[in-house]
């Protein structure tokens, strides 16, 4: 026990010693139909990518690297796509915590651009990223893969990993984070995942719920013309802990406030060097 504790302390010390303060910059064009918040989220993710790329070695596949280089001019990253949702897992570093973020908006030749300057804590990856397969769907078929939903659409998540491990899924909305997986009536901290197995979550069909007696089905709503949500997908080959959540009977979900969730997520990243965190930003629009 003393040896194991000493080893854990040594690893934690190594992780802390490798942390760096990094900064990034990006700007995104505000496309027709987009909200300012949507452009800000895109710009923030690109600014994080730019900060990580400029500080840590790249491990980006050639196809993804072409997409990033094609939209980068000097220190300014520009984009009109969601390529970072797949490309960020190949960066040689990982973002731990945002310490400062600033947005600005300007008009150039009739086009509106949203700019993001960001600063935060990051560290090099100690383990190569796992090739996780993630898809957000509006139906039970992969042909329905999308990040743009309409109010009333069902929501499904397809997941596959080459190795067994533990999975958690969270949903961010208006300063609160809701636990989606494990389901609300399950008591384990994370969903145990088998390797080389495709899962379709939030589906009530019998073939998709063999391992969960209570399956939560999700229907998306939009109180405004466009509502944005961020989905956090956490996967590790080691058991995950639970955030400081509580069950809110008014909404029917386990909930944690955003700041507490971020503190817990940072602690999990420092505790588990193999923790894979994926962010998926989705849009829900009124019909």
Protein backbone atom coordinates (compact mmCIF):
# COMPACT_ATOMS: atom_id res chain seq x y z
CA UNK A 1 0.00 0.00 0.00
CA UNK A 2 2.84 2.42 0.80
CA UNK A 3 4.55 1.59 -2.48
CA UNK A 4 1.35 2.16 -4.44
CA UNK A 5 0.69 5.44 -2.63
CA UNK A 6 4.22 6.60 -3.34
CA UNK A 7 3.85 5.71 -7.01
CA UNK A 8 0.54 7.59 -7.22
CA UNK A 9 2.09 10.66 -5.59
CA UNK A 10 5.01 10.46 -8.01
CA UNK A 11 2.72 10.31 -11.04
CA UNK A 12 0.61 13.19 -9.73
CA UNK A 13 3.76 15.23 -9.16
CA UNK A 14 4.96 14.48 -12.69
CA UNK A 15 1.63 15.59 -14.15
CA UNK A 16 1.64 18.83 -12.19
CA UNK A 17 5.26 19.55 -13.16
CA UNK A 18 4.43 19.19 -16.86
CA UNK A 19 1.55 21.66 -16.78
CA UNK A 20 1.96 24.89 -18.70
CA UNK A 21 0.08 28.12 -19.09
CA UNK A 22 -0.77 28.50 -22.77
CA UNK A 23 -2.76 30.97 -24.82
CA UNK A 24 -4.55 30.85 -28.17
CA UNK A 25 -6.43 32.99 -30.67
CA UNK A 26 -9.10 32.19 -33.25
CA UNK A 27 -11.89 33.85 -35.17
CA UNK A 28 -15.00 32.44 -36.82
CA UNK A 29 -17.39 33.92 -39.34
CA UNK A 30 -20.96 34.29 -38.09
CA UNK A 31 -22.87 32.30 -40.71
CA UNK A 32 -26.52 32.93 -41.64
CA UNK A 33 -28.85 31.44 -39.03
CA UNK A 34 -26.13 31.14 -36.40
CA UNK A 35 -26.42 32.68 -32.95
CA UNK A 36 -23.54 34.66 -31.45
CA UNK A 37 -23.17 31.94 -28.81
CA UNK A 38 -22.67 29.30 -31.49
CA UNK A 39 -19.90 31.29 -33.18
CA UNK A 40 -18.29 31.96 -29.79
CA UNK A 41 -18.21 28.26 -28.98
CA UNK A 42 -16.62 27.48 -32.32
CA UNK A 43 -14.03 30.22 -31.86
CA UNK A 44 -13.23 29.09 -28.33
CA UNK A 45 -12.62 25.49 -29.40
CA UNK A 46 -10.40 26.64 -32.25
CA UNK A 47 -8.46 28.96 -29.93
CA UNK A 48 -7.83 26.00 -27.61
CA UNK A 49 -6.65 23.90 -30.55
CA UNK A 50 -4.36 26.70 -31.69
CA UNK A 51 -2.86 27.00 -28.20
CA UNK A 52 -2.27 23.24 -27.94
CA UNK A 53 -0.83 22.95 -31.46
CA UNK A 54 1.64 25.78 -30.88
CA UNK A 55 2.86 24.30 -27.58
CA UNK A 56 2.82 20.52 -27.95
CA UNK A 57 3.87 18.19 -30.79
CA UNK A 58 1.16 17.20 -33.23
CA UNK A 59 -0.12 13.68 -33.83
CA UNK A 60 -2.77 14.63 -36.35
CA UNK A 61 -3.60 12.29 -39.18
CA UNK A 62 -2.80 13.71 -42.61
CA UNK A 63 -6.45 14.24 -43.61
CA UNK A 64 -7.25 16.13 -40.41
CA UNK A 65 -4.00 18.08 -40.59
CA UNK A 66 -4.89 19.32 -44.07
CA UNK A 67 -8.22 20.64 -42.82
CA UNK A 68 -6.58 22.53 -39.97
CA UNK A 69 -3.68 23.95 -42.01
CA UNK A 70 -6.04 24.98 -44.76
CA UNK A 71 -7.89 27.25 -42.36
CA UNK A 72 -4.97 28.67 -40.38
CA UNK A 73 -3.25 31.93 -41.23
CA UNK A 74 -0.28 32.68 -39.01
CA UNK A 75 -1.61 32.60 -35.44
CA UNK A 76 -5.22 33.11 -36.52
CA UNK A 77 -7.39 30.05 -37.01
CA UNK A 78 -10.49 30.43 -39.18
CA UNK A 79 -13.14 27.82 -39.83
CA UNK A 80 -16.67 27.23 -41.01
CA UNK A 81 -16.87 23.54 -40.07
CA UNK A 82 -16.99 21.22 -37.05
CA UNK A 83 -13.73 19.45 -37.92
CA UNK A 84 -12.30 20.02 -34.42
CA UNK A 85 -14.75 17.51 -32.97
CA UNK A 86 -12.62 14.75 -34.49
CA UNK A 87 -9.28 16.51 -34.87
CA UNK A 88 -8.74 17.57 -31.25
CA UNK A 89 -8.20 14.00 -30.07
CA UNK A 90 -4.93 13.82 -32.05
CA UNK A 91 -3.27 16.89 -30.52
CA UNK A 92 -0.17 16.10 -28.45
CA UNK A 93 -1.48 18.05 -25.45
CA UNK A 94 -4.74 18.32 -23.55
CA UNK A 95 -6.55 21.34 -22.14
CA UNK A 96 -7.09 21.19 -18.39
CA UNK A 97 -8.65 24.47 -17.33
CA UNK A 98 -9.59 27.85 -18.79
CA UNK A 99 -8.31 30.77 -16.73
CA UNK A 100 -9.35 33.63 -19.00
CA UNK A 101 -11.43 33.94 -22.17
CA UNK A 102 -12.43 37.08 -24.08
CA UNK A 103 -14.68 37.52 -27.10
CA UNK A 104 -15.07 40.39 -29.54
CA UNK A 105 -17.13 40.97 -32.68
CA UNK A 106 -16.32 43.03 -35.75
CA UNK A 107 -17.70 43.55 -39.26
CA UNK A 108 -15.42 43.25 -42.29
CA UNK A 109 -16.71 43.76 -45.80
CA UNK A 110 -20.23 42.96 -44.68
CA UNK A 111 -19.21 39.79 -42.85
CA UNK A 112 -19.45 39.43 -39.05
CA UNK A 113 -16.47 37.79 -37.36
CA UNK A 114 -16.33 36.58 -33.76
CA UNK A 115 -12.88 36.57 -32.17
CA UNK A 116 -11.73 34.59 -29.13
CA UNK A 117 -8.58 35.05 -27.04
CA UNK A 118 -8.08 32.35 -24.45
CA UNK A 119 -5.58 31.42 -21.75
CA UNK A 120 -5.46 28.30 -19.62
CA UNK A 121 -3.65 25.32 -18.15
CA UNK A 122 -2.58 22.43 -20.38
CA UNK A 123 -0.25 19.44 -20.29
CA UNK A 124 1.25 16.97 -22.77
CA UNK A 125 -0.60 13.71 -23.31
CA UNK A 126 1.04 10.83 -21.49
CA UNK A 127 -0.92 8.21 -23.44
CA UNK A 128 -1.87 8.08 -27.13
CA UNK A 129 -5.57 8.89 -27.65
CA UNK A 130 -7.96 6.02 -28.15
CA UNK A 131 -9.83 5.87 -31.48
CA UNK A 132 -13.30 6.26 -29.98
CA UNK A 133 -16.26 6.22 -32.36
CA UNK A 134 -18.91 8.78 -31.34
CA UNK A 135 -22.04 9.80 -33.19
CA UNK A 136 -24.97 11.94 -32.15
CA UNK A 137 -28.11 10.81 -34.02
CA UNK A 138 -31.70 11.96 -34.58
CA UNK A 139 -32.82 8.39 -35.39
CA UNK A 140 -31.57 4.87 -34.63
CA UNK A 141 -29.57 4.65 -37.85
CA UNK A 142 -26.07 6.06 -38.40
CA UNK A 143 -27.43 7.76 -41.53
CA UNK A 144 -29.07 10.20 -39.08
CA UNK A 145 -25.74 11.39 -37.67
CA UNK A 146 -25.91 15.13 -37.01
CA UNK A 147 -25.11 17.94 -34.58
CA UNK A 148 -28.05 20.05 -35.82
CA UNK A 149 -31.41 19.02 -34.37
CA UNK A 150 -34.97 20.36 -34.47
CA UNK A 151 -37.28 20.72 -31.49
CA UNK A 152 -39.13 17.45 -31.01
CA UNK A 153 -36.30 15.30 -32.39
CA UNK A 154 -35.22 12.27 -30.35
CA UNK A 155 -31.59 12.09 -29.31
CA UNK A 156 -29.39 9.01 -29.54
CA UNK A 157 -25.69 8.45 -28.96
CA UNK A 158 -23.70 5.75 -30.73
CA UNK A 159 -20.46 4.71 -29.02
CA UNK A 160 -17.70 2.19 -29.71
CA UNK A 161 -14.25 1.64 -28.20
CA UNK A 162 -11.53 -0.80 -29.21
CA UNK A 163 -10.84 -1.57 -25.55
CA UNK A 164 -13.10 -2.19 -22.53
CA UNK A 165 -13.55 0.57 -20.00
CA UNK A 166 -15.99 2.91 -18.30
CA UNK A 167 -18.21 5.55 -19.89
CA UNK A 168 -19.98 8.66 -18.62
CA UNK A 169 -22.04 11.19 -20.59
CA UNK A 170 -23.11 14.64 -19.38
CA UNK A 171 -25.23 17.44 -20.86
CA UNK A 172 -24.49 21.11 -20.23
CA UNK A 173 -27.34 23.63 -20.31
CA UNK A 174 -27.68 27.13 -18.78
CA UNK A 175 -25.04 26.80 -16.08
CA UNK A 176 -26.05 23.30 -15.01
CA UNK A 177 -24.75 19.89 -16.02
CA UNK A 178 -27.08 16.91 -16.26
CA UNK A 179 -25.99 13.29 -16.08
CA UNK A 180 -27.21 11.34 -19.10
CA UNK A 181 -25.22 8.14 -18.61
CA UNK A 182 -25.41 6.05 -16.50
CA UNK A 183 -29.19 6.31 -16.71
CA UNK A 184 -31.00 8.02 -13.85
CA UNK A 185 -32.16 4.80 -12.19
CA UNK A 186 -28.74 3.17 -12.32
CA UNK A 187 -26.54 3.37 -9.25
CA UNK A 188 -23.08 2.76 -10.70
CA UNK A 189 -20.73 5.69 -11.30
CA UNK A 190 -20.06 4.79 -14.95
CA UNK A 191 -21.32 2.46 -17.66
CA UNK A 192 -19.06 -0.58 -18.10
CA UNK A 193 -18.16 -0.86 -21.80
CA UNK A 194 -16.99 -3.95 -23.66
CA UNK A 195 -14.31 -3.61 -26.30
CA UNK A 196 -15.23 -3.73 -30.02
CA UNK A 197 -18.93 -3.40 -29.20
CA UNK A 198 -21.24 -0.75 -30.65
CA UNK A 199 -23.71 0.77 -28.19
CA UNK A 200 -26.77 2.84 -29.03
CA UNK A 201 -27.85 4.75 -25.95
CA UNK A 202 -31.27 6.26 -25.17
CA UNK A 203 -33.04 3.75 -27.38
CA UNK A 204 -36.02 1.84 -25.98
CA UNK A 205 -35.83 -0.97 -28.51
CA UNK A 206 -35.19 -4.33 -26.75
CA UNK A 207 -31.97 -5.07 -28.65
CA UNK A 208 -30.48 -1.79 -27.42
CA UNK A 209 -31.41 -2.07 -23.76
CA UNK A 210 -30.20 -5.56 -22.84
CA UNK A 211 -27.90 -4.17 -20.15
CA UNK A 212 -30.18 -1.54 -18.63
CA UNK A 213 -33.61 -2.31 -17.28
CA UNK A 214 -34.45 1.39 -17.19
CA UNK A 215 -33.56 3.23 -20.39
CA UNK A 216 -34.00 7.01 -20.50
CA UNK A 217 -35.45 8.28 -23.78
CA UNK A 218 -34.63 11.87 -24.76
CA UNK A 219 -36.66 14.37 -26.80
CA UNK A 220 -35.06 17.72 -27.58
CA UNK A 221 -36.79 21.09 -27.12
CA UNK A 222 -35.91 24.69 -27.96
CA UNK A 223 -37.29 27.64 -26.00
CA UNK A 224 -35.57 30.06 -28.40
CA UNK A 225 -35.00 30.03 -32.18
CA UNK A 226 -31.70 28.23 -31.52
CA UNK A 227 -30.44 26.61 -28.32
CA UNK A 228 -26.90 25.25 -27.93
CA UNK A 229 -25.84 22.42 -25.69
CA UNK A 230 -22.48 20.82 -24.96
CA UNK A 231 -22.17 17.09 -24.44
CA UNK A 232 -19.26 15.71 -22.41
CA UNK A 233 -18.24 12.12 -23.12
CA UNK A 234 -15.74 10.64 -20.65
CA UNK A 235 -14.07 7.27 -21.17
CA UNK A 236 -11.32 5.53 -19.21
CA UNK A 237 -10.04 2.00 -18.85
CA UNK A 238 -10.12 2.61 -15.09
CA UNK A 239 -13.19 3.18 -12.88
CA UNK A 240 -14.52 6.74 -12.87
CA UNK A 241 -15.81 8.57 -9.83
CA UNK A 242 -19.11 10.46 -9.73
CA UNK A 243 -19.36 14.26 -9.68
CA UNK A 244 -21.01 15.96 -6.67
CA UNK A 245 -24.44 15.56 -8.23
CA UNK A 246 -27.93 15.42 -6.74
CA UNK A 247 -31.20 14.16 -8.14
CA UNK A 248 -33.61 16.96 -9.09
CA UNK A 249 -37.15 15.53 -9.18
CA UNK A 250 -38.47 18.62 -11.01
CA UNK A 251 -36.45 17.70 -14.12
CA UNK A 252 -35.93 13.99 -13.48
CA UNK A 253 -32.12 14.09 -13.79
CA UNK A 254 -29.06 14.03 -11.59
CA UNK A 255 -27.67 17.57 -11.72
CA UNK A 256 -24.50 19.42 -10.69
CA UNK A 257 -23.71 23.11 -11.07
CA UNK A 258 -21.25 24.01 -13.83
CA UNK A 259 -18.36 25.22 -11.63
CA UNK A 260 -18.49 22.14 -9.40
CA UNK A 261 -18.56 19.92 -12.47
CA UNK A 262 -15.47 21.62 -13.93
CA UNK A 263 -13.57 21.23 -10.64
CA UNK A 264 -14.49 17.54 -10.52
CA UNK A 265 -13.51 17.05 -14.18
CA UNK A 266 -10.11 18.64 -13.59
CA UNK A 267 -9.54 16.36 -10.59
CA UNK A 268 -10.48 13.31 -12.68
CA UNK A 269 -8.05 14.34 -15.42
CA UNK A 270 -5.25 14.66 -12.90
CA UNK A 271 -6.19 11.35 -11.26
CA UNK A 272 -6.54 9.33 -14.47
CA UNK A 273 -3.82 9.85 -17.05
CA UNK A 274 -5.73 7.74 -19.60
CA UNK A 275 -9.00 9.68 -19.28
CA UNK A 276 -10.41 10.54 -22.71
CA UNK A 277 -12.71 13.57 -22.77
CA UNK A 278 -14.69 14.44 -25.89
CA UNK A 279 -16.84 17.52 -26.36
CA UNK A 280 -19.73 17.61 -28.81
CA UNK A 281 -21.61 20.86 -29.37
CA UNK A 282 -25.12 20.42 -30.73
CA UNK A 283 -27.73 22.91 -31.90
CA UNK A 284 -31.50 22.58 -31.35
CA UNK A 285 -33.71 24.87 -33.43
CA UNK A 286 -37.40 25.58 -33.34
CA UNK A 287 -39.44 24.14 -36.18
